[in-house]
Amino acid sequence: MYVVSNAGCRDKDIPLMQRAESEMLDQGRDVKLVLRNDLALIAVQGPTMTKALQPLTNVDLAKLYFMQSAVTTVCGVKNCRITRCGYTGEDGVEISIPQDHVEKVVEALLESKNTKVI
């Protein structure tokens, strides 16, 4: 399971997940909690999301349905996870990306002729 916790809830979410991991291990389940601090999150929302993002990735966004995710390449950056979501009420994605590449990807998105910044 891949979880992106709201940063404002981090102090509650991490101990909750650690307790759940401990309980499951005590029950003999095969589980391991892996916390990552080397990722950034880019949210791309709105009706032109696919037009702006599709040229920058090798995953077919038309086949990525709501709440599905794929590990893929974005702007040549490997190991990015694109998750289809829409918390604004619009179609959108969240891109989990190695933080040392986030500036490059955001700049490429902003340069896309199909991006509207509001």
PDB file of N, CA and C in Angstrom:
ATOM      1  N   MET A   1       0.858  -1.161   0.000  1.00  0.00           N
ATOM      2  CA  MET A   1       0.000   0.000   0.000  1.00  0.00           C
ATOM      3  C   MET A   1       0.907   1.228   0.000  1.00  0.00           C
ATOM      4  N   TYR A   2       0.558   2.193  -0.796  1.00  0.00           N
ATOM      5  CA  TYR A   2       1.317   3.435  -0.894  1.00  0.00           C
ATOM      6  C   TYR A   2       0.451   4.538  -0.295  1.00  0.00           C
ATOM      7  N   VAL A   3       0.952   5.236   0.715  1.00  0.00           N
ATOM      8  CA  VAL A   3       0.181   6.267   1.406  1.00  0.00           C
ATOM      9  C   VAL A   3       0.912   7.593   1.291  1.00  0.00           C
ATOM     10  N   VAL A   4       0.189   8.623   0.894  1.00  0.00           N
ATOM     11  CA  VAL A   4       0.710   9.983   0.940  1.00  0.00           C
ATOM     12  C   VAL A   4      -0.083  10.693   2.024  1.00  0.00           C
ATOM     13  N   SER A   5       0.585  10.941   3.110  1.00  0.00           N
ATOM     14  CA  SER A   5      -0.067  11.579   4.254  1.00  0.00           C
ATOM     15  C   SER A   5      -0.012  13.088   4.108  1.00  0.00           C
ATOM     16  N   ASN A   6      -1.066  13.734   4.524  1.00  0.00           N
ATOM     17  CA  ASN A   6      -1.071  15.189   4.567  1.00  0.00           C
ATOM     18  C   ASN A   6       0.008  15.641   5.544  1.00  0.00           C
ATOM     19  N   ALA A   7       0.857  16.560   5.106  1.00  0.00           N
ATOM     20  CA  ALA A   7       1.985  16.997   5.948  1.00  0.00           C
ATOM     21  C   ALA A   7       1.517  17.528   7.299  1.00  0.00           C
ATOM     22  N   GLY A   8       0.348  18.132   7.345  1.00  0.00           N
ATOM     23  CA  GLY A   8      -0.180  18.654   8.597  1.00  0.00           C
ATOM     24  C   GLY A   8      -0.593  17.567   9.575  1.00  0.00           C
ATOM     25  N   CYS A   9      -0.748  16.342   9.079  1.00  0.00           N
ATOM     26  CA  CYS A   9      -1.150  15.208   9.923  1.00  0.00           C
ATOM     27  C   CYS A   9       0.001  14.248  10.200  1.00  0.00           C
ATOM     28  N   ARG A  10       1.178  14.585   9.762  1.00  0.00           N
ATOM     29  CA  ARG A  10       2.346  13.714   9.880  1.00  0.00           C
ATOM     30  C   ARG A  10       2.579  13.242  11.314  1.00  0.00           C
ATOM     31  N   ASP A  11       2.469  14.149  12.274  1.00  0.00           N
ATOM     32  CA  ASP A  11       2.739  13.801  13.676  1.00  0.00           C
ATOM     33  C   ASP A  11       1.737  12.792  14.229  1.00  0.00           C
ATOM     34  N   LYS A  12       0.548  12.720  13.639  1.00  0.00           N
ATOM     35  CA  LYS A  12      -0.447  11.721  14.055  1.00  0.00           C
ATOM     36  C   LYS A  12      -0.369  10.464  13.196  1.00  0.00           C
ATOM     37  N   ASP A  13      -0.151  10.645  11.900  1.00  0.00           N
ATOM     38  CA  ASP A  13      -0.208   9.521  10.966  1.00  0.00           C
ATOM     39  C   ASP A  13       0.949   8.540  11.145  1.00  0.00           C
ATOM     40  N   ILE A  14       2.148   9.034  11.320  1.00  0.00           N
ATOM     41  CA  ILE A  14       3.300   8.130  11.425  1.00  0.00           C
ATOM     42  C   ILE A  14       3.189   7.224  12.646  1.00  0.00           C
ATOM     43  N   PRO A  15       2.918   7.761  13.847  1.00  0.00           N
ATOM     44  CA  PRO A  15       2.748   6.844  14.991  1.00  0.00           C
ATOM     45  C   PRO A  15       1.599   5.857  14.799  1.00  0.00           C
ATOM     46  N   LEU A  16       0.525   6.280  14.152  1.00  0.00           N
ATOM     47  CA  LEU A  16      -0.599   5.389  13.874  1.00  0.00           C
ATOM     48  C   LEU A  16      -0.157   4.232  12.981  1.00  0.00           C
ATOM     49  N   MET A  17       0.588   4.543  11.922  1.00  0.00           N
ATOM     50  CA  MET A  17       1.060   3.494  11.024  1.00  0.00           C
ATOM     51  C   MET A  17       2.097   2.601  11.709  1.00  0.00           C
ATOM     52  N   GLN A  18       2.933   3.171  12.561  1.00  0.00           N
ATOM     53  CA  GLN A  18       3.921   2.362  13.289  1.00  0.00           C
ATOM     54  C   GLN A  18       3.234   1.387  14.247  1.00  0.00           C
ATOM     55  N   ARG A  19       2.179   1.849  14.922  1.00  0.00           N
ATOM     56  CA  ARG A  19       1.421   0.946  15.814  1.00  0.00           C
ATOM     57  C   ARG A  19       0.746  -0.166  15.015  1.00  0.00           C
ATOM     58  N   ALA A  20       0.167   0.195  13.880  1.00  0.00           N
ATOM     59  CA  ALA A  20      -0.496  -0.803  13.040  1.00  0.00           C
ATOM     60  C   ALA A  20       0.514  -1.829  12.530  1.00  0.00           C
ATOM     61  N   GLU A  21       1.700  -1.377  12.145  1.00  0.00           N
ATOM     62  CA  GLU A  21       2.738  -2.305  11.699  1.00  0.00           C
ATOM     63  C   GLU A  21       3.103  -3.266  12.830  1.00  0.00           C
ATOM     64  N   SER A  22       3.302  -2.738  14.034  1.00  0.00           N
ATOM     65  CA  SER A  22       3.660  -3.565  15.181  1.00  0.00           C
ATOM     66  C   SER A  22       2.579  -4.608  15.479  1.00  0.00           C
ATOM     67  N   GLU A  23       1.328  -4.179  15.437  1.00  0.00           N
ATOM     68  CA  GLU A  23       0.212  -5.099  15.687  1.00  0.00           C
ATOM     69  C   GLU A  23       0.160  -6.207  14.639  1.00  0.00           C
ATOM     70  N   MET A  24       0.355  -5.838  13.378  1.00  0.00           N
ATOM     71  CA  MET A  24       0.311  -6.842  12.316  1.00  0.00           C
ATOM     72  C   MET A  24       1.490  -7.808  12.420  1.00  0.00           C
ATOM     73  N   LEU A  25       2.662  -7.300  12.770  1.00  0.00           N
ATOM     74  CA  LEU A  25       3.819  -8.181  12.962  1.00  0.00           C
ATOM     75  C   LEU A  25       3.565  -9.153  14.109  1.00  0.00           C
ATOM     76  N   ASP A  26       2.934  -8.658  15.188  1.00  0.00           N
ATOM     77  CA  ASP A  26       2.597  -9.525  16.323  1.00  0.00           C
ATOM     78  C   ASP A  26       1.629 -10.631  15.918  1.00  0.00           C
ATOM     79  N   GLN A  27       0.826 -10.389  14.888  1.00  0.00           N
ATOM     80  CA  GLN A  27      -0.125 -11.376  14.382  1.00  0.00           C
ATOM     81  C   GLN A  27       0.508 -12.295  13.333  1.00  0.00           C
ATOM     82  N   GLY A  28       1.811 -12.107  13.109  1.00  0.00           N
ATOM     83  CA  GLY A  28       2.514 -12.956  12.155  1.00  0.00           C
ATOM     84  C   GLY A  28       2.373 -12.541  10.708  1.00  0.00           C
ATOM     85  N   ARG A  29       1.897 -11.349  10.475  1.00  0.00           N
ATOM     86  CA  ARG A  29       1.726 -10.881   9.092  1.00  0.00           C
ATOM     87  C   ARG A  29       3.046 -10.363   8.530  1.00  0.00           C
ATOM     88  N   ASP A  30       3.175 -10.484   7.233  1.00  0.00           N
ATOM     89  CA  ASP A  30       4.371 -10.028   6.523  1.00  0.00           C
ATOM     90  C   ASP A  30       4.143  -8.581   6.077  1.00  0.00           C
ATOM     91  N   VAL A  31       4.624  -7.640   6.876  1.00  0.00           N
ATOM     92  CA  VAL A  31       4.392  -6.219   6.614  1.00  0.00           C
ATOM     93  C   VAL A  31       5.640  -5.443   7.009  1.00  0.00           C
ATOM     94  N   LYS A  32       5.891  -4.360   6.278  1.00  0.00           N
ATOM     95  CA  LYS A  32       7.027  -3.503   6.604  1.00  0.00           C
ATOM     96  C   LYS A  32       6.658  -2.067   6.249  1.00  0.00           C
ATOM     97  N   LEU A  33       6.789  -1.176   7.203  1.00  0.00           N
ATOM     98  CA  LEU A  33       6.535   0.250   6.991  1.00  0.00           C
ATOM     99  C   LEU A  33       7.824   0.904   6.515  1.00  0.00           C
ATOM    100  N   VAL A  34       7.751   1.572   5.383  1.00  0.00           N
ATOM    101  CA  VAL A  34       8.901   2.281   4.832  1.00  0.00           C
ATOM    102  C   VAL A  34       8.520   3.752   4.732  1.00  0.00           C
ATOM    103  N   LEU A  35       9.224   4.594   5.457  1.00  0.00           N
ATOM    104  CA  LEU A  35       8.969   6.030   5.416  1.00  0.00           C
ATOM    105  C   LEU A  35       9.989   6.680   4.485  1.00  0.00           C
ATOM    106  N   ARG A  36       9.507   7.553   3.617  1.00  0.00           N
ATOM    107  CA  ARG A  36      10.383   8.219   2.647  1.00  0.00           C
ATOM    108  C   ARG A  36      10.372   9.711   2.910  1.00  0.00           C
ATOM    109  N   ASN A  37      11.538  10.280   3.048  1.00  0.00           N
ATOM    110  CA  ASN A  37      11.681  11.723   3.233  1.00  0.00           C
ATOM    111  C   ASN A  37      12.394  12.368   2.056  1.00  0.00           C
ATOM    112  N   ASP A  38      12.575  11.606   0.983  1.00  0.00           N
ATOM    113  CA  ASP A  38      13.320  12.106  -0.170  1.00  0.00           C
ATOM    114  C   ASP A  38      12.420  12.387  -1.375  1.00  0.00           C
ATOM    115  N   LEU A  39      11.113  12.458  -1.141  1.00  0.00           N
ATOM    116  CA  LEU A  39      10.172  12.685  -2.232  1.00  0.00           C
ATOM    117  C   LEU A  39       9.455  14.012  -2.067  1.00  0.00           C
ATOM    118  N   ALA A  40       9.090  14.584  -3.190  1.00  0.00           N
ATOM    119  CA  ALA A  40       8.245  15.777  -3.217  1.00  0.00           C
ATOM    120  C   ALA A  40       6.933  15.385  -3.887  1.00  0.00           C
ATOM    121  N   LEU A  41       5.931  16.213  -3.752  1.00  0.00           N
ATOM    122  CA  LEU A  41       4.630  15.936  -4.339  1.00  0.00           C
ATOM    123  C   LEU A  41       4.190  17.133  -5.173  1.00  0.00           C
ATOM    124  N   ILE A  42       3.843  16.860  -6.423  1.00  0.00           N
ATOM    125  CA  ILE A  42       3.337  17.892  -7.333  1.00  0.00           C
ATOM    126  C   ILE A  42       1.893  17.530  -7.655  1.00  0.00           C
ATOM    127  N   ALA A  43       0.975  18.451  -7.430  1.00  0.00           N
ATOM    128  CA  ALA A  43      -0.428  18.232  -7.784  1.00  0.00           C
ATOM    129  C   ALA A  43      -0.719  19.013  -9.067  1.00  0.00           C
ATOM    130  N   VAL A  44      -1.266  18.314 -10.042  1.00  0.00           N
ATOM    131  CA  VAL A  44      -1.650  18.934 -11.307  1.00  0.00           C
ATOM    132  C   VAL A  44      -3.142  18.671 -11.469  1.00  0.00           C
ATOM    133  N   GLN A  45      -3.936  19.720 -11.434  1.00  0.00           N
ATOM    134  CA  GLN A  45      -5.387  19.588 -11.416  1.00  0.00           C
ATOM    135  C   GLN A  45      -6.014  20.409 -12.535  1.00  0.00           C
ATOM    136  N   GLY A  46      -7.147  19.952 -13.002  1.00  0.00           N
ATOM    137  CA  GLY A  46      -7.937  20.750 -13.928  1.00  0.00           C
ATOM    138  C   GLY A  46      -8.156  20.098 -15.276  1.00  0.00           C
ATOM    139  N   PRO A  47      -9.015  20.712 -16.075  1.00  0.00           N
ATOM    140  CA  PRO A  47      -9.458  20.101 -17.325  1.00  0.00           C
ATOM    141  C   PRO A  47      -8.357  19.943 -18.372  1.00  0.00           C
ATOM    142  N   THR A  48      -7.245  20.662 -18.260  1.00  0.00           N
ATOM    143  CA  THR A  48      -6.168  20.508 -19.244  1.00  0.00           C
ATOM    144  C   THR A  48      -4.985  19.714 -18.694  1.00  0.00           C
ATOM    145  N   MET A  49      -5.198  19.046 -17.548  1.00  0.00           N
ATOM    146  CA  MET A  49      -4.117  18.280 -16.931  1.00  0.00           C
ATOM    147  C   MET A  49      -3.488  17.297 -17.897  1.00  0.00           C
ATOM    148  N   THR A  50      -4.303  16.487 -18.587  1.00  0.00           N
ATOM    149  CA  THR A  50      -3.730  15.465 -19.468  1.00  0.00           C
ATOM    150  C   THR A  50      -2.978  16.099 -20.641  1.00  0.00           C
ATOM    151  N   LYS A  51      -3.479  17.194 -21.178  1.00  0.00           N
ATOM    152  CA  LYS A  51      -2.789  17.861 -22.281  1.00  0.00           C
ATOM    153  C   LYS A  51      -1.431  18.412 -21.845  1.00  0.00           C
ATOM    154  N   ALA A  52      -1.358  18.886 -20.605  1.00  0.00           N
ATOM    155  CA  ALA A  52      -0.100  19.430 -20.103  1.00  0.00           C
ATOM    156  C   ALA A  52       0.891  18.334 -19.734  1.00  0.00           C
ATOM    157  N   LEU A  53       0.407  17.256 -19.131  1.00  0.00           N
ATOM    158  CA  LEU A  53       1.301  16.226 -18.596  1.00  0.00           C
ATOM    159  C   LEU A  53       1.641  15.127 -19.588  1.00  0.00           C
ATOM    160  N   GLN A  54       0.708  14.743 -20.454  1.00  0.00           N
ATOM    161  CA  GLN A  54       0.940  13.585 -21.322  1.00  0.00           C
ATOM    162  C   GLN A  54       2.234  13.670 -22.132  1.00  0.00           C
ATOM    163  N   PRO A  55       2.588  14.825 -22.701  1.00  0.00           N
ATOM    164  CA  PRO A  55       3.841  14.876 -23.466  1.00  0.00           C
ATOM    165  C   PRO A  55       5.099  14.694 -22.603  1.00  0.00           C
ATOM    166  N   LEU A  56       4.954  14.783 -21.296  1.00  0.00           N
ATOM    167  CA  LEU A  56       6.111  14.731 -20.401  1.00  0.00           C
ATOM    168  C   LEU A  56       6.301  13.367 -19.747  1.00  0.00           C
ATOM    169  N   THR A  57       5.409  12.412 -20.020  1.00  0.00           N
ATOM    170  CA  THR A  57       5.489  11.105 -19.372  1.00  0.00           C
ATOM    171  C   THR A  57       5.251   9.981 -20.367  1.00  0.00           C
ATOM    172  N   ASN A  58       5.713   8.791 -20.006  1.00  0.00           N
ATOM    173  CA  ASN A  58       5.515   7.650 -20.898  1.00  0.00           C
ATOM    174  C   ASN A  58       4.343   6.769 -20.490  1.00  0.00           C
ATOM    175  N   VAL A  59       3.608   7.144 -19.442  1.00  0.00           N
ATOM    176  CA  VAL A  59       2.416   6.388 -19.064  1.00  0.00           C
ATOM    177  C   VAL A  59       1.223   6.969 -19.831  1.00  0.00           C
ATOM    178  N   ASP A  60       0.326   6.102 -20.282  1.00  0.00           N
ATOM    179  CA  ASP A  60      -0.867   6.548 -21.003  1.00  0.00           C
ATOM    180  C   ASP A  60      -1.896   7.016 -19.974  1.00  0.00           C
ATOM    181  N   LEU A  61      -2.034   8.315 -19.815  1.00  0.00           N
ATOM    182  CA  LEU A  61      -2.937   8.875 -18.806  1.00  0.00           C
ATOM    183  C   LEU A  61      -4.392   8.513 -19.069  1.00  0.00           C
ATOM    184  N   ALA A  62      -4.749   8.252 -20.325  1.00  0.00           N
ATOM    185  CA  ALA A  62      -6.125   7.864 -20.649  1.00  0.00           C
ATOM    186  C   ALA A  62      -6.474   6.506 -20.045  1.00  0.00           C
ATOM    187  N   LYS A  63      -5.463   5.685 -19.741  1.00  0.00           N
ATOM    188  CA  LYS A  63      -5.696   4.358 -19.165  1.00  0.00           C
ATOM    189  C   LYS A  63      -5.467   4.333 -17.657  1.00  0.00           C
ATOM    190  N   LEU A  64      -5.152   5.476 -17.078  1.00  0.00           N
ATOM    191  CA  LEU A  64      -4.942   5.573 -15.631  1.00  0.00           C
ATOM    192  C   LEU A  64      -6.228   6.129 -15.028  1.00  0.00           C
ATOM    193  N   TYR A  65      -6.984   5.260 -14.367  1.00  0.00           N
ATOM    194  CA  TYR A  65      -8.292   5.628 -13.855  1.00  0.00           C
ATOM    195  C   TYR A  65      -8.202   6.186 -12.442  1.00  0.00           C
ATOM    196  N   PHE A  66      -9.287   6.784 -11.971  1.00  0.00           N
ATOM    197  CA  PHE A  66      -9.352   7.425 -10.658  1.00  0.00           C
ATOM    198  C   PHE A  66      -8.826   6.493  -9.567  1.00  0.00           C
ATOM    199  N   MET A  67      -7.901   6.999  -8.777  1.00  0.00           N
ATOM    200  CA  MET A  67      -7.242   6.340  -7.645  1.00  0.00           C
ATOM    201  C   MET A  67      -6.322   5.195  -8.062  1.00  0.00           C
ATOM    202  N   GLN A  68      -5.973   5.114  -9.327  1.00  0.00           N
ATOM    203  CA  GLN A  68      -4.934   4.190  -9.774  1.00  0.00           C
ATOM    204  C   GLN A  68      -3.623   4.954  -9.839  1.00  0.00           C
ATOM    205  N   SER A  69      -2.522   4.230  -9.712  1.00  0.00           N
ATOM    206  CA  SER A  69      -1.229   4.879  -9.842  1.00  0.00           C
ATOM    207  C   SER A  69      -0.295   4.011 -10.657  1.00  0.00           C
ATOM    208  N   ALA A  70       0.744   4.633 -11.169  1.00  0.00           N
ATOM    209  CA  ALA A  70       1.757   3.935 -11.950  1.00  0.00           C
ATOM    210  C   ALA A  70       3.107   4.567 -11.648  1.00  0.00           C
ATOM    211  N   VAL A  71       4.114   3.711 -11.534  1.00  0.00           N
ATOM    212  CA  VAL A  71       5.478   4.203 -11.394  1.00  0.00           C
ATOM    213  C   VAL A  71       6.021   4.346 -12.803  1.00  0.00           C
ATOM    214  N   THR A  72       6.510   5.536 -13.116  1.00  0.00           N
ATOM    215  CA  THR A  72       6.842   5.857 -14.491  1.00  0.00           C
ATOM    216  C   THR A  72       7.947   6.910 -14.543  1.00  0.00           C
ATOM    217  N   THR A  73       8.188   7.412 -15.733  1.00  0.00           N
ATOM    218  CA  THR A  73       9.163   8.471 -15.960  1.00  0.00           C
ATOM    219  C   THR A  73       8.409   9.752 -16.296  1.00  0.00           C
ATOM    220  N   VAL A  74       8.843  10.855 -15.699  1.00  0.00           N
ATOM    221  CA  VAL A  74       8.268  12.171 -15.996  1.00  0.00           C
ATOM    222  C   VAL A  74       9.435  13.101 -16.303  1.00  0.00           C
ATOM    223  N   CYS A  75       9.435  13.698 -17.481  1.00  0.00           N
ATOM    224  CA  CYS A  75      10.515  14.602 -17.906  1.00  0.00           C
ATOM    225  C   CYS A  75      11.885  13.930 -17.803  1.00  0.00           C
ATOM    226  N   GLY A  76      11.933  12.656 -18.093  1.00  0.00           N
ATOM    227  CA  GLY A  76      13.195  11.926 -18.010  1.00  0.00           C
ATOM    228  C   GLY A  76      13.585  11.491 -16.609  1.00  0.00           C
ATOM    229  N   VAL A  77      12.783  11.835 -15.603  1.00  0.00           N
ATOM    230  CA  VAL A  77      13.057  11.460 -14.218  1.00  0.00           C
ATOM    231  C   VAL A  77      12.382  10.118 -13.946  1.00  0.00           C
ATOM    232  N   LYS A  78      13.184   9.111 -13.629  1.00  0.00           N
ATOM    233  CA  LYS A  78      12.650   7.778 -13.374  1.00  0.00           C
ATOM    234  C   LYS A  78      12.093   7.680 -11.959  1.00  0.00           C
ATOM    235  N   ASN A  79      11.306   6.646 -11.745  1.00  0.00           N
ATOM    236  CA  ASN A  79      10.739   6.321 -10.425  1.00  0.00           C
ATOM    237  C   ASN A  79       9.808   7.392  -9.865  1.00  0.00           C
ATOM    238  N   CYS A  80       9.019   7.986 -10.743  1.00  0.00           N
ATOM    239  CA  CYS A  80       7.972   8.907 -10.312  1.00  0.00           C
ATOM    240  C   CYS A  80       6.673   8.102 -10.233  1.00  0.00           C
ATOM    241  N   ARG A  81       5.857   8.387  -9.244  1.00  0.00           N
ATOM    242  CA  ARG A  81       4.558   7.726  -9.126  1.00  0.00           C
ATOM    243  C   ARG A  81       3.483   8.751  -9.450  1.00  0.00           C
ATOM    244  N   ILE A  82       2.720   8.469 -10.497  1.00  0.00           N
ATOM    245  CA  ILE A  82       1.584   9.315 -10.863  1.00  0.00           C
ATOM    246  C   ILE A  82       0.323   8.639 -10.354  1.00  0.00           C
ATOM    247  N   THR A  83      -0.466   9.355  -9.566  1.00  0.00           N
ATOM    248  CA  THR A  83      -1.724   8.836  -9.034  1.00  0.00           C
ATOM    249  C   THR A  83      -2.859   9.714  -9.545  1.00  0.00           C
ATOM    250  N   ARG A  84      -3.842   9.096 -10.174  1.00  0.00           N
ATOM    251  CA  ARG A  84      -5.002   9.831 -10.688  1.00  0.00           C
ATOM    252  C   ARG A  84      -5.915  10.149  -9.517  1.00  0.00           C
ATOM    253  N   CYS A  85      -6.222  11.403  -9.339  1.00  0.00           N
ATOM    254  CA  CYS A  85      -7.092  11.828  -8.239  1.00  0.00           C
ATOM    255  C   CYS A  85      -7.793  13.101  -8.675  1.00  0.00           C
ATOM    256  N   GLY A  86      -8.491  13.713  -7.775  1.00  0.00           N
ATOM    257  CA  GLY A  86      -9.191  14.933  -8.131  1.00  0.00           C
ATOM    258  C   GLY A  86      -9.794  15.598  -6.920  1.00  0.00           C
ATOM    259  N   TYR A  87      -8.957  15.944  -5.981  1.00  0.00           N
ATOM    260  CA  TYR A  87      -9.470  16.502  -4.728  1.00  0.00           C
ATOM    261  C   TYR A  87     -10.083  17.882  -4.888  1.00  0.00           C
ATOM    262  N   THR A  88      -9.866  18.544  -6.022  1.00  0.00           N
ATOM    263  CA  THR A  88     -10.465  19.864  -6.239  1.00  0.00           C
ATOM    264  C   THR A  88     -11.837  19.763  -6.883  1.00  0.00           C
ATOM    265  N   GLY A  89     -12.254  18.547  -7.229  1.00  0.00           N
ATOM    266  CA  GLY A  89     -13.489  18.369  -7.983  1.00  0.00           C
ATOM    267  C   GLY A  89     -13.212  18.280  -9.470  1.00  0.00           C
ATOM    268  N   GLU A  90     -11.989  18.602  -9.862  1.00  0.00           N
ATOM    269  CA  GLU A  90     -11.554  18.480 -11.251  1.00  0.00           C
ATOM    270  C   GLU A  90     -10.747  17.203 -11.400  1.00  0.00           C
ATOM    271  N   ASP A  91     -10.527  16.785 -12.627  1.00  0.00           N
ATOM    272  CA  ASP A  91      -9.630  15.672 -12.893  1.00  0.00           C
ATOM    273  C   ASP A  91      -8.214  16.127 -12.537  1.00  0.00           C
ATOM    274  N   GLY A  92      -7.412  15.209 -12.046  1.00  0.00           N
ATOM    275  CA  GLY A  92      -6.056  15.600 -11.714  1.00  0.00           C
ATOM    276  C   GLY A  92      -5.182  14.423 -11.352  1.00  0.00           C
ATOM    277  N   VAL A  93      -3.925  14.732 -11.089  1.00  0.00           N
ATOM    278  CA  VAL A  93      -2.954  13.738 -10.651  1.00  0.00           C
ATOM    279  C   VAL A  93      -2.085  14.346  -9.559  1.00  0.00           C
ATOM    280  N   GLU A  94      -1.491  13.450  -8.782  1.00  0.00           N
ATOM    281  CA  GLU A  94      -0.410  13.825  -7.891  1.00  0.00           C
ATOM    282  C   GLU A  94       0.811  13.062  -8.369  1.00  0.00           C
ATOM    283  N   ILE A  95       1.930  13.738  -8.434  1.00  0.00           N
ATOM    284  CA  ILE A  95       3.177  13.119  -8.875  1.00  0.00           C
ATOM    285  C   ILE A  95       4.128  13.088  -7.692  1.00  0.00           C
ATOM    286  N   SER A  96       4.449  11.883  -7.215  1.00  0.00           N
ATOM    287  CA  SER A  96       5.486  11.713  -6.199  1.00  0.00           C
ATOM    288  C   SER A  96       6.793  11.582  -6.956  1.00  0.00           C
ATOM    289  N   ILE A  97       7.744  12.439  -6.613  1.00  0.00           N
ATOM    290  CA  ILE A  97       8.958  12.551  -7.413  1.00  0.00           C
ATOM    291  C   ILE A  97      10.162  12.742  -6.506  1.00  0.00           C
ATOM    292  N   PRO A  98      11.312  12.172  -6.862  1.00  0.00           N
ATOM    293  CA  PRO A  98      12.510  12.454  -6.071  1.00  0.00           C
ATOM    294  C   PRO A  98      12.712  13.965  -5.964  1.00  0.00           C
ATOM    295  N   GLN A  99      12.872  14.448  -4.739  1.00  0.00           N
ATOM    296  CA  GLN A  99      12.850  15.893  -4.500  1.00  0.00           C
ATOM    297  C   GLN A  99      13.938  16.665  -5.234  1.00  0.00           C
ATOM    298  N   ASP A 100      15.029  16.021  -5.564  1.00  0.00           N
ATOM    299  CA  ASP A 100      16.085  16.751  -6.254  1.00  0.00           C
ATOM    300  C   ASP A 100      15.767  17.016  -7.728  1.00  0.00           C
ATOM    301  N   HIS A 101      14.625  16.524  -8.215  1.00  0.00           N
ATOM    302  CA  HIS A 101      14.207  16.760  -9.604  1.00  0.00           C
ATOM    303  C   HIS A 101      12.919  17.572  -9.717  1.00  0.00           C
ATOM    304  N   VAL A 102      12.354  17.978  -8.606  1.00  0.00           N
ATOM    305  CA  VAL A 102      11.033  18.613  -8.637  1.00  0.00           C
ATOM    306  C   VAL A 102      11.048  19.940  -9.400  1.00  0.00           C
ATOM    307  N   GLU A 103      12.091  20.722  -9.257  1.00  0.00           N
ATOM    308  CA  GLU A 103      12.148  22.024  -9.943  1.00  0.00           C
ATOM    309  C   GLU A 103      12.110  21.843 -11.457  1.00  0.00           C
ATOM    310  N   LYS A 104      12.856  20.881 -11.963  1.00  0.00           N
ATOM    311  CA  LYS A 104      12.889  20.598 -13.408  1.00  0.00           C
ATOM    312  C   LYS A 104      11.496  20.250 -13.926  1.00  0.00           C
ATOM    313  N   VAL A 105      10.767  19.413 -13.205  1.00  0.00           N
ATOM    314  CA  VAL A 105       9.445  18.964 -13.658  1.00  0.00           C
ATOM    315  C   VAL A 105       8.423  20.097 -13.556  1.00  0.00           C
ATOM    316  N   VAL A 106       8.454  20.851 -12.479  1.00  0.00           N
ATOM    317  CA  VAL A 106       7.523  21.978 -12.341  1.00  0.00           C
ATOM    318  C   VAL A 106       7.768  22.995 -13.454  1.00  0.00           C
ATOM    319  N   GLU A 107       9.025  23.294 -13.741  1.00  0.00           N
ATOM    320  CA  GLU A 107       9.318  24.240 -14.821  1.00  0.00           C
ATOM    321  C   GLU A 107       8.819  23.719 -16.166  1.00  0.00           C
ATOM    322  N   ALA A 108       8.978  22.427 -16.429  1.00  0.00           N
ATOM    323  CA  ALA A 108       8.483  21.850 -17.686  1.00  0.00           C
ATOM    324  C   ALA A 108       6.957  21.940 -17.764  1.00  0.00           C
ATOM    325  N   LEU A 109       6.284  21.685 -16.650  1.00  0.00           N
ATOM    326  CA  LEU A 109       4.822  21.814 -16.632  1.00  0.00           C
ATOM    327  C   LEU A 109       4.392  23.257 -16.881  1.00  0.00           C
ATOM    328  N   LEU A 110       5.082  24.203 -16.257  1.00  0.00           N
ATOM    329  CA  LEU A 110       4.724  25.606 -16.426  1.00  0.00           C
ATOM    330  C   LEU A 110       4.997  26.095 -17.852  1.00  0.00           C
ATOM    331  N   GLU A 111       5.958  25.489 -18.532  1.00  0.00           N
ATOM    332  CA  GLU A 111       6.269  25.873 -19.899  1.00  0.00           C
ATOM    333  C   GLU A 111       5.314  25.260 -20.917  1.00  0.00           C
ATOM    334  N   SER A 112       4.542  24.265 -20.492  1.00  0.00           N
ATOM    335  CA  SER A 112       3.607  23.620 -21.402  1.00  0.00           C
ATOM    336  C   SER A 112       2.556  24.634 -21.866  1.00  0.00           C
ATOM    337  N   LYS A 113       2.275  24.618 -23.135  1.00  0.00           N
ATOM    338  CA  LYS A 113       1.289  25.564 -23.676  1.00  0.00           C
ATOM    339  C   LYS A 113      -0.116  25.254 -23.177  1.00  0.00           C
ATOM    340  N   ASN A 114      -0.305  24.089 -22.589  1.00  0.00           N
ATOM    341  CA  ASN A 114      -1.620  23.687 -22.102  1.00  0.00           C
ATOM    342  C   ASN A 114      -1.785  23.897 -20.598  1.00  0.00           C
ATOM    343  N   THR A 115      -0.851  24.583 -19.969  1.00  0.00           N
ATOM    344  CA  THR A 115      -0.926  24.799 -18.524  1.00  0.00           C
ATOM    345  C   THR A 115      -1.469  26.196 -18.243  1.00  0.00           C
ATOM    346  N   LYS A 116      -2.412  26.252 -17.341  1.00  0.00           N
ATOM    347  CA  LYS A 116      -2.955  27.523 -16.879  1.00  0.00           C
ATOM    348  C   LYS A 116      -2.744  27.591 -15.379  1.00  0.00           C
ATOM    349  N   VAL A 117      -1.977  28.557 -14.926  1.00  0.00           N
ATOM    350  CA  VAL A 117      -1.684  28.699 -13.509  1.00  0.00           C
ATOM    351  C   VAL A 117      -2.689  29.666 -12.908  1.00  0.00           C
ATOM    352  N   ILE A 118      -3.337  29.202 -11.813  1.00  0.00           N
ATOM    353  CA  ILE A 118      -4.280  30.098 -11.132  1.00  0.00           C
ATOM    354  C   ILE A 118      -3.931  30.188  -9.667  1.00  0.00           C
TER     355      ILE A 118
END
